[in-house]
């Protein structure tokens, strides 16, 4: 996959648990886990916006493009 999700890195920097983040952004911990492990196929802009609000970051802090080899 070309888009890498660095959500776990940002969560560690902000010292927030999966349960706490999931509750604050209004998704299940299972869906958050899918995002964190790069298994998701898409993310809603509203979810991305809520993540950025809670973690006080930019979308580029969470999403990264890496060229496939």
C-alpha atoms as a PDB file:
ATOM      1  CA  UNK A   1       0.000   0.000   0.000  1.00  0.00           C
ATOM      2  CA  UNK A   2       1.281   3.452  -0.878  1.00  0.00           C
ATOM      3  CA  UNK A   3      -0.414   5.341   1.948  1.00  0.00           C
ATOM      4  CA  UNK A   4       0.958   4.535   5.399  1.00  0.00           C
ATOM      5  CA  UNK A   5      -0.971   5.437   8.530  1.00  0.00           C
ATOM      6  CA  UNK A   6       1.284   6.622  11.373  1.00  0.00           C
ATOM      7  CA  UNK A   7      -1.563   6.958  13.852  1.00  0.00           C
ATOM      8  CA  UNK A   8       0.152   4.792  16.465  1.00  0.00           C
ATOM      9  CA  UNK A   9       3.196   7.097  16.379  1.00  0.00           C
ATOM     10  CA  UNK A  10       1.070  10.208  16.976  1.00  0.00           C
ATOM     11  CA  UNK A  11      -0.874   8.450  19.721  1.00  0.00           C
ATOM     12  CA  UNK A  12       2.374   7.528  21.477  1.00  0.00           C
ATOM     13  CA  UNK A  13       3.642  11.114  21.190  1.00  0.00           C
ATOM     14  CA  UNK A  14       0.398  12.415  22.700  1.00  0.00           C
ATOM     15  CA  UNK A  15       0.261   9.620  25.287  1.00  0.00           C
ATOM     16  CA  UNK A  16      -3.305   8.623  24.475  1.00  0.00           C
ATOM     17  CA  UNK A  17      -4.720   5.094  24.495  1.00  0.00           C
ATOM     18  CA  UNK A  18      -6.758   3.509  21.732  1.00  0.00           C
ATOM     19  CA  UNK A  19      -9.812   3.373  23.965  1.00  0.00           C
ATOM     20  CA  UNK A  20      -9.537   7.044  24.896  1.00  0.00           C
ATOM     21  CA  UNK A  21      -9.023   8.181  21.294  1.00  0.00           C
ATOM     22  CA  UNK A  22     -11.850   5.998  19.991  1.00  0.00           C
ATOM     23  CA  UNK A  23     -14.236   7.428  22.577  1.00  0.00           C
ATOM     24  CA  UNK A  24     -13.213  11.018  21.842  1.00  0.00           C
ATOM     25  CA  UNK A  25     -13.611  10.694  18.068  1.00  0.00           C
ATOM     26  CA  UNK A  26     -16.741   8.542  18.173  1.00  0.00           C
ATOM     27  CA  UNK A  27     -15.612   5.294  16.533  1.00  0.00           C
ATOM     28  CA  UNK A  28     -15.193   1.778  17.871  1.00  0.00           C
ATOM     29  CA  UNK A  29     -11.830   0.515  19.063  1.00  0.00           C
ATOM     30  CA  UNK A  30     -12.083  -2.159  16.356  1.00  0.00           C
ATOM     31  CA  UNK A  31     -12.340   0.486  13.618  1.00  0.00           C
ATOM     32  CA  UNK A  32      -9.500   2.454  15.191  1.00  0.00           C
ATOM     33  CA  UNK A  33      -7.393  -0.708  15.195  1.00  0.00           C
ATOM     34  CA  UNK A  34      -8.090  -1.173  11.472  1.00  0.00           C
ATOM     35  CA  UNK A  35      -6.787   2.349  10.846  1.00  0.00           C
ATOM     36  CA  UNK A  36      -3.721   1.892  13.057  1.00  0.00           C
ATOM     37  CA  UNK A  37      -2.676  -1.350  11.361  1.00  0.00           C
ATOM     38  CA  UNK A  38      -2.997  -0.012   7.778  1.00  0.00           C
ATOM     39  CA  UNK A  39      -5.817  -2.465   7.039  1.00  0.00           C
ATOM     40  CA  UNK A  40      -8.349   0.257   6.228  1.00  0.00           C
ATOM     41  CA  UNK A  41      -9.227   1.055   2.629  1.00  0.00           C
ATOM     42  CA  UNK A  42     -10.566   4.557   3.321  1.00  0.00           C
ATOM     43  CA  UNK A  43     -11.070   7.160   6.019  1.00  0.00           C
ATOM     44  CA  UNK A  44     -13.813   9.743   6.227  1.00  0.00           C
ATOM     45  CA  UNK A  45     -12.662  13.330   6.275  1.00  0.00           C
ATOM     46  CA  UNK A  46     -14.818  13.871   9.364  1.00  0.00           C
ATOM     47  CA  UNK A  47     -12.980  11.051  11.170  1.00  0.00           C
ATOM     48  CA  UNK A  48      -9.607  12.410  10.065  1.00  0.00           C
ATOM     49  CA  UNK A  49     -10.646  15.879  11.232  1.00  0.00           C
ATOM     50  CA  UNK A  50     -11.680  14.544  14.643  1.00  0.00           C
ATOM     51  CA  UNK A  51      -8.423  12.617  15.018  1.00  0.00           C
ATOM     52  CA  UNK A  52      -6.444  15.768  14.186  1.00  0.00           C
ATOM     53  CA  UNK A  53      -8.468  17.819  16.686  1.00  0.00           C
ATOM     54  CA  UNK A  54      -7.947  15.341  19.510  1.00  0.00           C
ATOM     55  CA  UNK A  55      -4.251  14.736  18.765  1.00  0.00           C
ATOM     56  CA  UNK A  56      -3.585  18.395  17.909  1.00  0.00           C
ATOM     57  CA  UNK A  57      -1.865  17.504  14.658  1.00  0.00           C
ATOM     58  CA  UNK A  58      -2.114  17.828  10.881  1.00  0.00           C
ATOM     59  CA  UNK A  59      -3.300  15.088   8.486  1.00  0.00           C
ATOM     60  CA  UNK A  60       0.270  14.838   7.193  1.00  0.00           C
ATOM     61  CA  UNK A  61       1.400  13.842  10.678  1.00  0.00           C
ATOM     62  CA  UNK A  62      -0.826  10.763  10.411  1.00  0.00           C
ATOM     63  CA  UNK A  63      -0.795   9.898   6.703  1.00  0.00           C
ATOM     64  CA  UNK A  64       2.350   9.342   4.672  1.00  0.00           C
ATOM     65  CA  UNK A  65       2.867   8.430   1.019  1.00  0.00           C
ATOM     66  CA  UNK A  66       5.466   5.769   0.275  1.00  0.00           C
ATOM     67  CA  UNK A  67       6.199   4.602  -3.219  1.00  0.00           C
ATOM     68  CA  UNK A  68       5.622   0.899  -3.886  1.00  0.00           C
ATOM     69  CA  UNK A  69       8.696  -1.057  -4.901  1.00  0.00           C
END
